Amino acid sequence: MEKVALSWSGGKDCALALYEIQQHHQYEVTALLTLITQDYNRISMHGVRQVLLERQAEAVKLPLKKVFIPANCTSEIYAEIMEKEMHCLKGEGINRVAFGDIFLQDVREYREKNLSKVDMRAVFPLWGRNSRELVKSFINLGFKAIITTIDPRKLSKEFCGTVIDSAFLGALPQDIDPTGENGEFHTFVFDGPIFKKPVGFSVGEKVLRDGFWFCDLIPDK
């Protein structure tokens, strides 16, 4: 099997992408690649503490490659950091990166364009699938995730800290994509068929920062 790194935010789409890759045996995921905002030591955009990310990687039994970026990172700095990381991956014999994207064509083209600059290719295991069916599959497979970030311009802050389940799907407004593909919300997966054990945590405070609501997750000791 060809080696592939998986872009890993800790959320439901990348977790389902990992499950799909492991089921089809065309690629071997040899690394999880995660952006961490170094000022806060949290997963970028998702706001999840680094220690929970590390426990998550341990639970799915895969090496974690942490990529640190500054807060308010410019596109130029981001591109420079990622290009260096891609060269490192190539040095390990990895020539493809997998993503959990579903239907945003501009995002796909952006990823493909940047990877082509270093002679690498993108893999999209979930591409083109129906959003609601994807979430139903996620739930039915036994995955468990909690919403950690909400864009209040798109979705009520009351959903922050909500577990992704059938009740969540039923309560979600019709104009909101069930996967949050348009940036409505972000999640943290803490259990499922790819986990050897659940990642333990308690729900902390909810705070508004930089225009987004974040639900803090406190790691179990």
Foldseek 3Di string as FASTA:
>chain_A
DAEEEEACLQFDLSVVLVVLCVVVVPYDHAEYEFEAAVVQCAGPPLRAHVVLVVVQCVQLVHHYDYQYDHPVGDPVNVLVSVVVVQVVCVVVRHQEYEYSAEEDPVVQVVVQVSSVVVNGGYHHSRYPDQQVVSLVVCVVQPWKKFWFKAQCVQDPPVRHGPIRDPVCVVPDDPVARNRCNVVGTTIHIFDGPSGNDGFDWDWDDWDADPNMIGIYTGGDD
